[in-house]
Amino acid sequence: MASLVVHFEIHAADPQRLIDFYSALFGWDFTKFGDMDYWSITTGEGSAAQGSAGHGINGGLVKRQGPSPQVGGPVTGANLVVAVDDVDATFNQGIELGAVGALPPTDMAGVGRLGYLIDPDGNIFGFISPVLSDGTDVMAAGAAG
C-alpha cells in the first residue's frame, strides 16, 4: 500500500469558531460525527472519499485536548497547505475572518505563490496557487518547457 496522506485533522478549543472560520474561508462543509466532539470535513468537489480516488483529501475537526498553540511559538505538529485560486485574496479574507498573518503572499520560483495564516485557535496553515504575482502559471510554464 502506498503511504499517501488520506485524511487531516484540525484541533480546536472552540470547534464552532473554527467551523465558521474554515467554512467562510474555503467553503468547507462540516458534519457532526455522532455524539463525539468530532466533525468530518468535506473540502470540495474532487476530493477523495471512502472507496473512490480524488485530487485532494478530506479531514476532520476535533475538540482540542489541552491549550491552544501560542502565536509566535513553535509549530507542534504538521500543517496543511490548501490549493486556492488567489493567494492574495485568501490571505486578506483570512485576516478579515480573524486569522493572523504568518507569511504574507510570496512568489516561489518554480513552485507558485503561497501564504500562511494562523487560524483563530492558533493553528498555522498555508495555501498555494501555481500563478505567480506577475501572472505566470508555473504549472503551464513547466509543461511548456
Protein backbone atom coordinates (compact mmCIF):
# COMPACT_ATOMS: atom_id res chain seq x y z
CA MET A 1 0.00 0.00 0.00
CA ALA A 2 1.27 3.48 -0.86
CA SER A 3 1.95 5.87 2.01
CA LEU A 4 -0.41 8.57 0.75
CA VAL A 5 -1.88 11.18 3.07
CA VAL A 6 -5.61 10.39 3.13
CA HIS A 7 -7.00 12.50 6.00
CA PHE A 8 -6.11 15.53 8.11
CA GLU A 9 -7.40 16.80 11.44
CA ILE A 10 -7.63 20.29 12.89
CA HIS A 11 -7.76 20.69 16.66
CA ALA A 12 -9.98 23.41 18.09
CA ALA A 13 -10.57 24.73 21.61
CA ASP A 14 -13.84 26.23 20.32
CA PRO A 15 -14.93 23.95 17.45
CA GLN A 16 -17.78 26.18 16.23
CA ARG A 17 -15.42 29.14 15.89
CA LEU A 18 -13.16 27.18 13.54
CA ILE A 19 -16.09 25.58 11.71
CA ASP A 20 -17.33 29.11 10.96
CA PHE A 21 -13.82 30.28 10.00
CA TYR A 22 -12.95 27.47 7.57
CA SER A 23 -16.48 27.36 6.12
CA ALA A 24 -16.26 31.07 5.29
CA LEU A 25 -12.64 30.97 4.05
CA PHE A 26 -12.67 27.80 1.94
CA GLY A 27 -16.34 26.79 1.67
CA TRP A 28 -15.70 23.51 3.51
CA ASP A 29 -18.68 21.51 4.82
CA PHE A 30 -18.64 20.16 8.39
CA THR A 31 -20.78 17.26 9.63
CA LYS A 32 -21.01 16.25 13.31
CA PHE A 33 -19.87 12.66 13.81
CA GLY A 34 -22.27 11.02 16.25
CA ASP A 35 -22.16 12.23 19.87
CA MET A 36 -18.40 12.82 19.80
CA ASP A 37 -16.73 16.24 19.72
CA TYR A 38 -15.71 15.45 16.13
CA TRP A 39 -16.83 16.84 12.77
CA SER A 40 -15.96 15.40 9.37
CA ILE A 41 -14.76 17.95 6.82
CA THR A 42 -15.61 17.73 3.14
CA THR A 43 -13.17 20.01 1.33
CA GLY A 44 -14.95 20.17 -2.00
CA GLU A 45 -15.63 18.62 -5.35
CA GLY A 46 -12.90 16.25 -6.48
CA SER A 47 -11.70 15.29 -3.00
CA ALA A 48 -11.06 11.64 -2.21
CA ALA A 49 -13.86 9.80 -0.43
CA GLN A 50 -14.29 6.33 1.05
CA GLY A 51 -13.96 3.92 -1.86
CA SER A 52 -13.04 6.48 -4.52
CA ALA A 53 -9.91 8.31 -5.61
CA GLY A 54 -9.73 12.09 -5.79
CA HIS A 55 -7.42 15.03 -6.30
CA GLY A 56 -7.45 16.18 -2.69
CA ILE A 57 -8.31 14.87 0.76
CA ASN A 58 -11.00 15.44 3.35
CA GLY A 59 -10.44 15.70 7.06
CA GLY A 60 -11.87 16.23 10.48
CA LEU A 61 -12.11 18.80 13.23
CA VAL A 62 -11.76 17.61 16.82
CA LYS A 63 -12.14 19.30 20.21
CA ARG A 64 -8.65 20.22 21.41
CA GLN A 65 -7.30 18.39 24.47
CA GLY A 66 -5.09 20.97 26.16
CA PRO A 67 -4.05 24.56 25.47
CA SER A 68 -4.07 26.13 22.01
CA PRO A 69 -0.72 26.92 20.35
CA GLN A 70 0.59 30.40 21.03
CA VAL A 71 1.17 32.81 18.15
CA GLY A 72 4.94 33.07 17.67
CA GLY A 73 5.52 29.73 19.37
CA PRO A 74 6.97 26.67 17.64
CA VAL A 75 4.80 24.59 15.33
CA THR A 76 3.81 21.47 17.26
CA GLY A 77 2.55 19.18 14.54
CA ALA A 78 2.06 19.04 10.82
CA ASN A 79 0.36 21.85 8.98
CA LEU A 80 -1.75 21.67 5.87
CA VAL A 81 -1.49 23.58 2.62
CA VAL A 82 -4.65 24.20 0.60
CA ALA A 83 -4.85 24.85 -3.16
CA VAL A 84 -6.60 28.16 -3.90
CA ASP A 85 -7.21 30.28 -6.98
CA ASP A 86 -5.98 33.56 -5.47
CA VAL A 87 -3.43 33.56 -2.63
CA ASP A 88 -3.67 37.31 -2.00
CA ALA A 89 -7.48 37.30 -1.77
CA THR A 90 -7.42 34.24 0.51
CA PHE A 91 -4.81 35.87 2.76
CA ASN A 92 -6.83 39.09 3.04
CA GLN A 93 -10.11 37.24 3.64
CA GLY A 94 -8.46 35.12 6.33
CA ILE A 95 -7.27 38.26 8.14
CA GLU A 96 -10.80 39.72 7.92
CA LEU A 97 -12.16 36.47 9.43
CA GLY A 98 -9.83 36.68 12.44
CA ALA A 99 -6.62 34.96 11.35
CA VAL A 100 -3.13 36.36 11.95
CA GLY A 101 -0.58 36.60 9.15
CA ALA A 102 2.32 34.17 9.42
CA LEU A 103 3.84 34.57 5.92
CA PRO A 104 2.38 37.16 3.56
CA PRO A 105 1.74 36.10 -0.06
CA THR A 106 5.12 35.29 -1.59
CA ASP A 107 6.24 34.06 -5.02
CA MET A 108 8.47 30.98 -5.08
CA ALA A 109 10.06 30.44 -8.49
CA GLY A 110 9.06 27.11 -9.99
CA VAL A 111 6.61 26.44 -7.15
CA GLY A 112 3.91 29.10 -7.17
CA ARG A 113 2.55 31.81 -4.90
CA LEU A 114 1.93 30.89 -1.28
CA GLY A 115 0.92 32.38 2.02
CA TYR A 116 0.46 31.19 5.59
CA LEU A 117 -2.03 32.24 8.26
CA ILE A 118 -2.61 31.36 11.90
CA ASP A 119 -6.28 30.49 12.44
CA PRO A 120 -8.31 31.89 15.37
CA ASP A 121 -7.25 28.90 17.51
CA GLY A 122 -3.51 29.26 16.86
CA ASN A 123 -3.11 26.59 14.15
CA ILE A 124 -0.83 27.52 11.25
CA PHE A 125 -1.90 26.60 7.71
CA GLY A 126 -0.86 27.55 4.22
CA PHE A 127 -2.38 27.98 0.79
CA ILE A 128 -0.84 27.92 -2.66
CA SER A 129 -1.60 28.72 -6.28
CA PRO A 130 0.54 27.94 -9.32
CA VAL A 131 0.01 31.53 -10.52
CA LEU A 132 2.76 33.99 -9.53
CA SER A 133 2.12 37.68 -8.86
CA ASP A 134 3.15 38.55 -12.45
CA GLY A 135 0.53 36.16 -13.87
CA THR A 136 2.97 33.38 -14.79
CA ASP A 137 1.45 29.95 -14.25
CA VAL A 138 4.36 27.76 -13.11
CA MET A 139 2.47 24.57 -13.97
CA ALA A 140 1.82 25.75 -17.54
CA ALA A 141 5.38 27.08 -17.83
CA GLY A 142 6.78 23.74 -16.62
CA ALA A 143 4.64 21.78 -19.08
CA ALA A 144 5.73 24.03 -21.96
CA GLY A 145 9.44 23.71 -21.13
